[in-house]
Protein backbone atom coordinates (compact mmCIF):
# COMPACT_ATOMS: atom_id res chain seq x y z
CA LEU A 1 4.81 25.07 -2.51
CA ALA A 2 8.28 22.92 -2.60
CA GLY A 3 11.61 22.42 -1.91
CA ALA A 4 14.40 20.38 -3.02
CA GLN A 5 18.19 20.74 -1.95
CA ARG A 6 20.52 20.44 -4.65
CA GLN A 7 23.79 18.45 -4.09
CA HIS A 8 25.87 17.97 -7.16
CA ARG A 9 25.78 19.55 -10.38
CA ARG A 10 23.62 22.42 -11.07
CA GLY A 11 20.64 22.27 -8.85
CA PRO A 12 16.23 21.14 -9.19
CA ILE A 13 14.55 22.65 -11.91
CA TYR A 14 10.87 23.68 -11.22
CA ARG A 15 8.06 23.69 -13.52
CA HIS A 16 4.08 23.80 -13.41
CA ARG A 17 1.97 23.11 -16.79
CA PRO A 18 -2.10 23.01 -16.63
CA THR A 19 -3.24 19.25 -17.13
CA GLY A 20 -6.81 18.66 -17.31
CA ASP A 21 -7.23 18.62 -13.57
CA GLY A 22 -5.24 21.41 -12.42
CA SER A 23 -1.48 22.23 -12.07
CA ALA A 24 1.12 19.72 -12.23
CA ILE A 25 3.93 20.05 -10.42
CA VAL A 26 7.71 18.50 -11.98
CA ILE A 27 10.82 18.98 -9.79
CA THR A 28 13.39 17.49 -11.50
CA ALA A 29 17.48 17.30 -11.11
CA ALA A 30 20.47 16.37 -13.20
CA SER A 31 22.14 15.60 -10.25
CA PRO A 32 20.55 13.80 -7.07
CA LEU A 33 17.41 15.27 -5.77
CA THR A 34 17.00 15.60 -1.88
CA ILE A 35 12.98 16.70 -1.19
CA THR A 36 13.08 18.85 1.77
CA SER A 37 10.19 20.80 1.93
CA ALA A 38 6.54 19.67 1.38
CA VAL A 39 5.52 19.17 -1.99
CA VAL A 40 1.64 19.86 -2.02
CA ASN A 41 -0.93 19.43 -5.20
CA ASN A 42 -4.55 20.13 -3.79
CA ALA A 43 -5.42 20.99 -7.35
CA GLY A 44 -6.39 17.06 -8.30
CA GLY A 45 -3.30 17.89 -10.88
CA ASP A 46 -0.03 15.03 -10.71
CA ILE A 47 3.19 15.44 -8.79
CA THR A 48 6.46 14.54 -10.55
CA LEU A 49 10.14 14.16 -8.92
CA ALA A 50 13.15 13.09 -10.74
CA ALA A 51 16.83 12.51 -10.20
CA GLN A 52 17.53 12.61 -13.77
CA GLY A 53 20.57 10.95 -15.11
CA ASN A 54 21.93 7.39 -15.43
CA LEU A 55 24.59 7.29 -12.63
CA ALA A 56 25.14 5.54 -9.49
CA THR A 57 24.81 8.96 -7.89
CA ASP A 58 21.26 10.35 -9.45
CA ASP A 59 19.41 9.18 -6.41
CA LEU A 60 15.95 9.99 -5.23
CA THR A 61 15.56 11.03 -1.51
CA ILE A 62 12.39 12.12 -0.32
CA ASN A 63 12.82 13.52 3.12
CA ALA A 64 9.17 15.86 3.17
CA ASN A 65 5.78 15.34 2.77
CA VAL A 66 4.67 14.70 -0.67
CA THR A 67 0.96 14.96 -1.21
CA ALA A 68 -1.44 14.93 -4.18
CA THR A 69 -5.12 15.21 -3.29
CA GLY A 70 -8.01 15.54 -5.35
CA GLY A 71 -9.68 14.95 -8.67
CA THR A 72 -7.03 11.94 -10.63
CA GLY A 73 -3.59 13.35 -9.39
CA SER A 74 -0.74 11.33 -9.66
CA ILE A 75 3.00 10.74 -8.04
CA ASN A 76 5.33 9.77 -10.27
CA LEU A 77 9.19 9.22 -9.01
CA TYR A 78 11.68 8.43 -11.20
CA ALA A 79 15.76 8.03 -9.86
CA GLY A 80 18.75 7.38 -12.23
CA ASP A 81 19.54 4.84 -9.55
CA THR A 82 17.73 4.54 -5.91
CA ILE A 83 14.47 6.09 -5.04
CA THR A 84 14.47 6.28 -1.07
CA GLN A 85 12.00 7.98 1.93
CA GLY A 86 13.08 9.72 4.56
CA ALA A 87 11.86 8.16 8.10
CA SER A 88 9.69 11.28 8.67
CA SER A 89 8.11 11.62 5.73
CA VAL A 90 4.71 10.62 4.14
CA ILE A 91 4.02 9.99 0.64
CA SER A 92 -0.70 10.31 0.36
CA ALA A 93 -1.75 10.10 -3.44
CA ALA A 94 -4.95 10.65 -1.64
CA SER A 95 -7.35 11.04 -4.63
CA SER A 96 -7.73 8.06 -7.14
CA GLY A 97 -4.67 8.77 -9.53
CA ALA A 98 -1.69 6.30 -9.91
CA VAL A 99 1.70 5.79 -8.67
CA LEU A 100 4.64 5.34 -10.96
CA LEU A 101 7.92 4.94 -9.25
CA SER A 102 10.66 3.52 -11.82
CA ALA A 103 14.30 3.05 -10.31
CA GLY A 104 17.31 3.44 -12.75
CA THR A 105 15.54 5.51 -15.31
CA ASP A 106 16.83 8.90 -16.07
CA TYR A 107 13.48 10.79 -16.54
CA ASN A 108 15.72 12.68 -19.58
CA GLY A 109 13.25 15.75 -19.40
CA GLY A 110 9.65 13.72 -19.68
CA THR A 111 10.83 11.12 -22.08
CA PRO A 112 12.69 8.15 -19.48
CA LEU A 113 14.37 6.11 -20.62
CA ARG A 114 16.20 2.90 -18.71
CA ASN A 115 19.56 3.19 -17.44
CA THR A 116 21.86 1.31 -19.07
CA SER A 117 25.14 2.08 -18.40
CA ASN A 118 25.59 -0.82 -15.53
CA GLY A 119 24.28 -3.33 -18.02
CA ALA A 120 20.68 -2.04 -17.47
CA THR A 121 20.69 -2.62 -13.66
CA ARG A 122 17.92 -1.67 -11.82
CA TYR A 123 17.82 -0.35 -8.95
CA ASP A 124 16.59 -0.01 -5.07
CA VAL A 125 12.87 1.75 -3.99
CA THR A 126 12.50 1.71 -0.71
CA LEU A 127 8.82 3.26 0.98
CA ALA A 128 8.84 2.31 3.86
CA GLY A 129 6.86 5.45 6.00
CA ALA A 130 4.66 4.17 8.31
CA ASN A 131 1.90 6.28 7.32
CA ASN A 132 2.26 5.85 3.26
CA ASN A 133 -1.25 6.07 1.57
CA PHE A 134 -0.68 5.15 -1.77
CA GLY A 135 -3.92 5.64 -2.80
CA SER A 136 -6.89 3.85 -4.22
CA GLY A 137 -5.37 3.44 -8.09
CA THR A 138 -2.05 1.06 -8.59
CA THR A 139 1.11 1.48 -7.72
CA THR A 140 3.57 0.38 -10.84
CA VAL A 141 6.37 0.16 -9.66
CA THR A 142 9.66 -0.79 -11.29
CA GLY A 143 13.50 -1.71 -9.63
CA ASN A 144 15.58 -4.53 -8.06
CA ASN A 145 14.78 -4.62 -4.24
CA ILE A 146 11.27 -3.51 -3.33
CA THR A 147 10.01 -2.51 -0.28
CA LEU A 148 6.95 -0.40 0.34
CA THR A 149 4.52 -0.33 2.67
CA ASP A 150 0.97 1.89 3.12
CA VAL A 151 -1.10 2.14 6.02
CA ASN A 152 -4.64 1.39 3.80
CA ALA A 153 -5.46 -0.50 1.33
CA LEU A 154 -2.10 -0.99 -1.54
CA THR A 155 -2.71 -2.22 -5.13
CA VAL A 156 0.87 -2.83 -6.79
CA ALA A 157 2.03 -4.25 -10.18
CA LEU A 158 5.72 -5.01 -9.39
CA ASN A 159 8.16 -5.61 -12.13
CA ALA A 160 11.51 -6.58 -9.90
CA THR A 161 14.87 -7.84 -11.14
CA GLY A 162 15.18 -8.91 -6.91
CA ASN A 163 13.28 -8.66 -3.92
CA SER A 164 9.88 -7.39 -2.90
CA THR A 165 8.24 -6.94 0.58
CA LEU A 166 5.00 -5.16 0.99
CA ARG A 167 2.84 -4.06 3.54
CA ALA A 168 -0.16 -3.10 3.85
CA GLY A 169 -3.06 -1.89 6.57
CA GLY A 170 -5.97 -3.02 4.81
CA ASN A 171 -6.36 -5.00 1.24
CA LEU A 172 -3.43 -5.93 -0.75
CA ASN A 173 -3.51 -6.89 -4.42
CA VAL A 174 -0.24 -8.08 -6.52
CA SER A 175 1.06 -9.11 -9.38
CA GLY A 176 3.84 -9.16 -11.54
CA THR A 177 7.30 -10.63 -11.47
CA THR A 178 10.14 -10.24 -8.63
CA ALA A 179 12.25 -12.60 -7.00
CA ASP A 180 11.52 -13.32 -3.71
CA LEU A 181 8.12 -12.36 -2.34
CA ILE A 182 6.76 -11.42 1.15
CA THR A 183 3.47 -9.88 2.20
CA ILE A 184 2.18 -8.82 5.11
CA THR A 185 -1.88 -7.63 5.67
CA THR A 186 -3.04 -6.26 8.76
CA ASN A 187 -6.21 -4.92 10.17
CA GLY A 188 -8.48 -7.81 8.87
CA GLY A 189 -6.63 -6.89 5.29
CA SER A 190 -7.18 -9.38 2.66
CA THR A 191 -4.65 -10.59 0.01
CA ASN A 192 -5.20 -11.21 -3.68
CA PHE A 193 -2.78 -11.76 -6.22
CA GLY A 194 -3.14 -11.13 -10.06
CA ARG A 195 -1.07 -12.55 -12.54
CA THR A 196 2.06 -12.86 -10.63
CA THR A 197 5.48 -14.78 -11.38
CA VAL A 198 7.64 -15.31 -7.88
CA GLY A 199 11.10 -16.67 -9.06
CA ALA A 200 12.22 -17.51 -5.77
CA ASN A 201 10.36 -17.90 -2.69
CA LEU A 202 6.61 -16.74 -1.48
CA ASN A 203 6.08 -15.99 2.33
CA THR A 204 2.74 -14.53 2.77
CA THR A 205 0.95 -13.36 6.11
CA SER A 206 -2.23 -12.50 5.73
CA ALA A 207 -4.77 -10.63 8.56
CA GLY A 208 -8.25 -11.93 5.84
CA VAL A 209 -9.17 -14.61 3.32
CA VAL A 210 -6.10 -15.21 0.36
CA THR A 211 -8.00 -15.58 -3.02
CA GLN A 212 -6.52 -14.71 -6.60
CA THR A 213 -7.61 -13.65 -9.78
CA ASP A 214 -5.07 -15.16 -12.13
CA ALA A 215 -2.64 -17.34 -12.36
CA LEU A 216 0.52 -17.76 -9.83
CA THR A 217 3.97 -18.85 -10.26
CA VAL A 218 6.17 -19.74 -7.54
CA ALA A 219 9.70 -20.99 -8.65
CA TRP A 220 10.66 -22.76 -4.91
CA ILE A 221 9.26 -22.56 -1.00
CA SER A 222 5.52 -21.12 -0.78
CA SER A 223 4.51 -20.42 3.02
CA ILE A 224 1.00 -18.99 2.99
CA GLN A 225 -0.46 -18.11 6.53
CA ALA A 226 -3.97 -16.97 6.93
CA PRO A 227 -4.95 -17.74 10.75
CA GLY A 228 -8.39 -18.64 10.90
CA GLN A 229 -8.95 -17.16 7.16
CA ASN A 230 -9.98 -19.23 4.12
CA ILE A 231 -7.03 -19.64 1.32
CA THR A 232 -7.91 -20.35 -2.46
CA LEU A 233 -5.97 -20.50 -4.74
CA ASP A 234 -7.74 -22.87 -7.52
CA ASN A 235 -6.65 -21.73 -10.18
CA PRO A 236 -5.92 -23.46 -13.19
CA GLY A 237 -3.02 -22.25 -14.55
CA ASN A 238 -1.01 -21.92 -10.59
CA LYS A 239 2.43 -23.80 -10.64
CA PHE A 240 4.03 -24.19 -6.98
CA ILE A 241 7.01 -26.41 -8.15
CA GLY A 242 8.84 -26.35 -4.60
CA VAL A 243 7.82 -27.16 -1.20
CA PHE A 244 4.09 -26.01 -0.45
CA SER A 245 2.69 -25.46 2.90
CA ALA A 246 -0.44 -23.10 4.26
CA SER A 247 -2.72 -22.17 7.35
CA GLY A 248 -5.80 -21.66 7.80
CA ASN A 249 -9.48 -21.95 7.83
CA ARG A 250 -10.34 -23.91 4.91
CA VAL A 251 -7.98 -23.79 2.58
CA ILE A 252 -8.22 -24.69 -1.45
CA VAL A 253 -4.88 -24.71 -3.40
CA VAL A 254 -4.90 -26.18 -7.52
CA GLY A 255 -1.64 -26.26 -9.14
CA ALA A 256 0.99 -27.93 -11.53
CA ASN A 257 4.20 -29.51 -10.74
CA MET A 258 3.36 -29.51 -7.16
CA GLY A 259 6.43 -30.18 -5.44
CA THR A 260 8.28 -32.02 -8.37
CA ASP A 261 11.72 -29.59 -7.41
CA GLY A 262 11.75 -30.24 -3.96
CA PRO A 263 10.65 -32.17 -1.24
CA PRO A 264 7.08 -33.66 -1.72
CA PRO A 265 4.34 -30.78 0.22
CA PRO A 266 3.99 -31.90 3.88
CA ASN A 267 2.36 -35.14 4.78
CA VAL A 268 0.83 -35.38 1.15
CA VAL A 269 1.44 -39.08 -0.04
CA PRO A 270 2.02 -39.95 -3.84
CA PRO A 271 -1.17 -42.33 -4.69
CA PRO A 272 -0.06 -45.21 -6.21
CA PRO A 273 -1.12 -46.38 -10.09
CA LEU A 274 -4.81 -47.89 -10.33
CA PRO A 275 -4.97 -51.61 -10.74
CA THR A 276 -4.50 -52.90 -13.80
CA PRO A 277 -6.92 -55.91 -14.26
CA ALA A 278 -6.19 -58.43 -16.85
CA THR A 279 -9.47 -57.51 -19.24
CA SER A 280 -11.59 -54.34 -18.99
CA PRO A 281 -11.03 -52.32 -15.66
CA PRO A 282 -14.06 -53.85 -13.26
CA VAL A 283 -15.22 -49.72 -12.76
CA LEU A 284 -16.26 -49.60 -16.16
CA THR A 285 -18.48 -52.33 -15.71
CA ILE A 286 -20.32 -50.31 -13.01
CA ALA A 287 -23.35 -48.85 -14.70
CA ALA A 288 -25.33 -46.10 -13.04
CA SER A 289 -29.09 -48.21 -14.72
CA GLN A 290 -27.75 -51.68 -12.93
CA PRO A 291 -29.61 -52.88 -10.04
CA ALA A 292 -26.69 -53.73 -7.34
CA ALA A 293 -27.70 -57.51 -7.17
CA SER A 294 -26.91 -57.22 -11.02
CA ARG A 295 -23.34 -56.01 -11.27
CA PRO A 296 -20.33 -58.53 -11.54
CA ALA A 297 -19.27 -59.60 -8.48
CA ALA A 298 -16.09 -60.94 -9.63
CA SER A 299 -14.05 -58.52 -8.94
CA SER A 300 -12.87 -57.71 -5.44
CA GLN A 301 -13.06 -53.78 -6.66
CA VAL A 302 -16.83 -54.63 -7.52
CA ALA A 303 -17.61 -55.66 -4.25
CA ALA A 304 -16.51 -53.16 -2.58
CA ALA A 305 -17.93 -50.24 -4.54
CA ASP A 306 -21.72 -52.37 -3.68
CA ALA A 307 -21.04 -52.02 -0.10
CA ALA A 308 -19.78 -48.47 -0.47
CA ALA A 309 -21.59 -45.22 -1.25
CA SER A 310 -22.46 -45.01 -4.91
CA SER A 311 -24.33 -41.97 -5.81
CA ALA A 312 -25.41 -40.12 -9.03
CA ALA A 313 -24.35 -36.67 -8.18
CA GLY A 314 -25.51 -33.71 -10.89
CA GLY A 315 -27.85 -36.46 -12.20
CA SER A 316 -27.84 -37.38 -16.58
CA GLY A 317 -26.82 -40.96 -15.22
CA VAL A 318 -23.31 -39.52 -13.85
CA SER A 319 -22.55 -42.69 -11.19
CA VAL A 320 -19.64 -41.79 -8.73
CA SER A 321 -18.75 -44.76 -6.18
CA LEU A 322 -15.91 -44.74 -3.70
CA LEU A 323 -14.03 -47.89 -4.39
CA ARG A 324 -10.97 -47.19 -1.48
CA GLU A 325 -10.93 -44.96 1.13
CA SER A 326 -7.72 -43.25 1.27
CA SER A 327 -5.58 -43.26 4.40
CA THR A 328 -2.17 -41.65 5.29
CA GLN A 329 -0.82 -44.88 3.50
CA VAL A 330 -2.88 -45.84 0.82
CA SER A 331 -4.46 -43.62 -1.81
CA GLY A 332 -8.24 -44.06 -2.29
CA ILE A 333 -9.72 -44.55 -5.43
CA VAL A 334 -12.94 -43.33 -7.27
CA ALA A 335 -14.70 -44.66 -10.31
CA VAL A 336 -16.89 -42.03 -11.69
CA LEU A 337 -18.94 -43.07 -14.98
CA VAL A 338 -20.52 -40.36 -17.14
CA PRO A 339 -22.94 -41.37 -19.66
CA ARG A 340 -21.91 -43.05 -23.12
CA GLY A 341 -22.06 -40.08 -25.84
CA THR A 342 -21.08 -37.52 -23.66
CA ALA A 343 -17.75 -36.68 -25.53
CA THR A 344 -19.43 -37.30 -29.00
CA THR A 345 -21.87 -35.16 -28.00
CA GLY A 346 -19.82 -31.83 -26.66
CA SER A 347 -22.28 -31.97 -23.49
CA GLY A 348 -21.42 -31.29 -20.15
CA PHE A 349 -21.71 -33.31 -16.80
CA THR A 350 -21.00 -32.39 -13.14
CA PHE A 351 -20.86 -34.63 -10.06
CA ALA A 352 -19.46 -34.61 -6.09
CA LEU A 353 -16.93 -36.17 -3.83
CA PRO A 354 -18.25 -39.14 -2.00
CA GLU A 355 -19.32 -37.69 1.26
CA ASP A 356 -16.07 -39.25 3.07
CA ILE A 357 -13.83 -36.96 0.95
CA ALA A 358 -15.72 -34.13 1.01
CA VAL A 359 -16.17 -34.07 4.87
CA THR A 360 -12.10 -34.27 4.80
CA ALA A 361 -12.27 -31.37 2.76
CA THR A 362 -14.11 -29.31 5.31
CA THR A 363 -11.32 -29.61 8.16
CA GLY A 364 -9.13 -26.77 6.70
CA ALA A 365 -6.76 -29.13 5.22
CA PRO A 366 -5.06 -27.85 2.34
CA VAL A 367 -6.91 -29.19 -0.68
CA MET A 368 -4.79 -29.54 -4.47
CA VAL A 369 -6.12 -30.76 -7.24
CA THR A 370 -4.20 -32.01 -10.47
CA LEU A 371 -4.41 -34.93 -13.13
CA LEU A 372 -2.31 -37.86 -12.16
CA SER A 373 0.52 -36.48 -14.27
CA GLY A 374 0.75 -33.68 -12.03
CA ASP A 375 -0.40 -31.17 -14.96
CA PRO A 376 -3.29 -28.92 -14.25
CA LEU A 377 -7.29 -30.14 -15.37
CA PRO A 378 -7.52 -29.63 -18.81
CA GLY A 379 -9.52 -26.13 -20.26
CA TRP A 380 -13.17 -28.29 -19.77
CA LEU A 381 -13.20 -29.55 -16.40
CA ARG A 382 -13.27 -27.25 -13.43
CA PHE A 383 -12.98 -27.88 -9.53
CA VAL A 384 -15.37 -25.97 -7.71
CA PRO A 385 -14.19 -25.84 -4.09
CA GLU A 386 -17.39 -24.54 -2.55
CA THR A 387 -19.43 -27.77 -3.07
CA ASN A 388 -16.17 -30.00 -3.75
CA SER A 389 -17.56 -30.77 -6.91
CA PHE A 390 -15.72 -31.15 -10.86
CA VAL A 391 -18.35 -29.30 -13.38
CA ALA A 392 -17.04 -30.77 -17.01
CA SER A 393 -18.56 -28.16 -19.86
CA ALA A 394 -18.33 -28.79 -23.85
CA VAL A 395 -16.33 -31.84 -23.48
CA PRO A 396 -13.85 -32.59 -26.29
CA ASP A 397 -14.60 -34.82 -28.76
CA GLY A 398 -13.19 -38.84 -28.39
CA THR A 399 -13.21 -41.28 -25.07
CA ILE A 400 -13.32 -39.92 -22.45
CA SER A 401 -10.98 -41.01 -19.95
CA LEU A 402 -8.90 -39.15 -17.33
CA GLN A 403 -7.55 -39.52 -13.50
CA VAL A 404 -7.56 -36.55 -11.18
CA VAL A 405 -5.52 -36.70 -7.58
CA VAL A 406 -7.27 -34.76 -5.05
CA SER A 407 -5.00 -34.60 -2.47
CA ILE A 408 -6.21 -33.64 1.54
CA GLY A 409 -3.47 -33.43 4.01
CA GLY A 410 -2.07 -35.91 4.30
CA ARG A 411 -4.47 -38.48 1.65
CA SER A 412 -4.53 -38.74 -1.95
CA THR A 413 -7.51 -40.30 -3.82
CA THR A 414 -7.37 -41.27 -6.87
CA VAL A 415 -10.68 -40.10 -8.91
CA ASP A 416 -10.76 -42.02 -12.64
CA ILE A 417 -13.03 -40.52 -14.61
CA SER A 418 -14.53 -43.04 -17.75
CA VAL A 419 -17.81 -44.01 -19.53
CA PRO A 420 -19.35 -47.30 -19.43
CA SER A 421 -18.37 -50.20 -21.29
CA GLU A 422 -20.76 -51.47 -24.14
């Protein structure tokens, strides 16, 4: 059934206990534990392997196959120091059970305790066998530097003080905290980020689409490569604090503090402030109900609006006017007028970007949407990348006055959202 090689102190302890799905296998050693014979549980029960203790020598080394099949059997690996795997061994949780990996944890006879002998230092987990299969459940891993390889899909919850490298031969779902994070998928596998905090650099290479289900924070450089695939990171809670680069078919990125602590993202031109007229901003005199011939003509901006495309998007009297087209040197300006009373009734509105901007967004260049200050959009306003439109719901009481920056590749456009003047 199983085998282990004792290295120091007393030998391994083999223990079997019944569970709801079958018989669990527990192998512990109050010393380094090296698995040299296959450990197999076909009854749907758990497998627990633990090098108990809190010394630097309390390592768990797996040199033979560890397999849990059937039911919801889980694989639990503990070590007071490191967890490593021999090149020829395979770890397989072919059931729907979870996988728990905890380096720097004393199993303590079934009541795990964090190793505090070296200042609560966490230790490395290196399970890089090419044929590993961690199953369809979540792999929860605690340690310092983490390296995991799965021949199929992989779902990981990280709790790493060091760097993490994740490789999957199918879809990859990742969440948690780490310093550097490297993710690689093959065989068309997608990459999805749950709530993830990367304390240093993010480097993602994805054979499929890149998406997210929760906010992603990267403290320094972000590099996301998905050749021929869409990259959609549009959670308003994102924070890409350093340099950001992405390459894919269609790239849409929404994030706060974009590049504030490092060089700006490539080819992104910071937008200049909107012109400050002597009186009320001329954009406020463009009402959706006014014919073009009756609009004030004293302002060159208003004249430009008459010559540009001005359209109602989403109905309800919303007016969208392109006042100035963007270029690599000059920021564009779009004026959006919403019906008076919208902010007092708590109603919503929607509008699409002007066609010239929307066309640019389909070229695959990164799309980044923030407030003019660089902060995320407020909770009542969101950008819908599929339609290149903004949707506002339950607008808070008060006067609507908001400036949003839409950056696409090397061009930026400031969208001024307001209500018409009296």
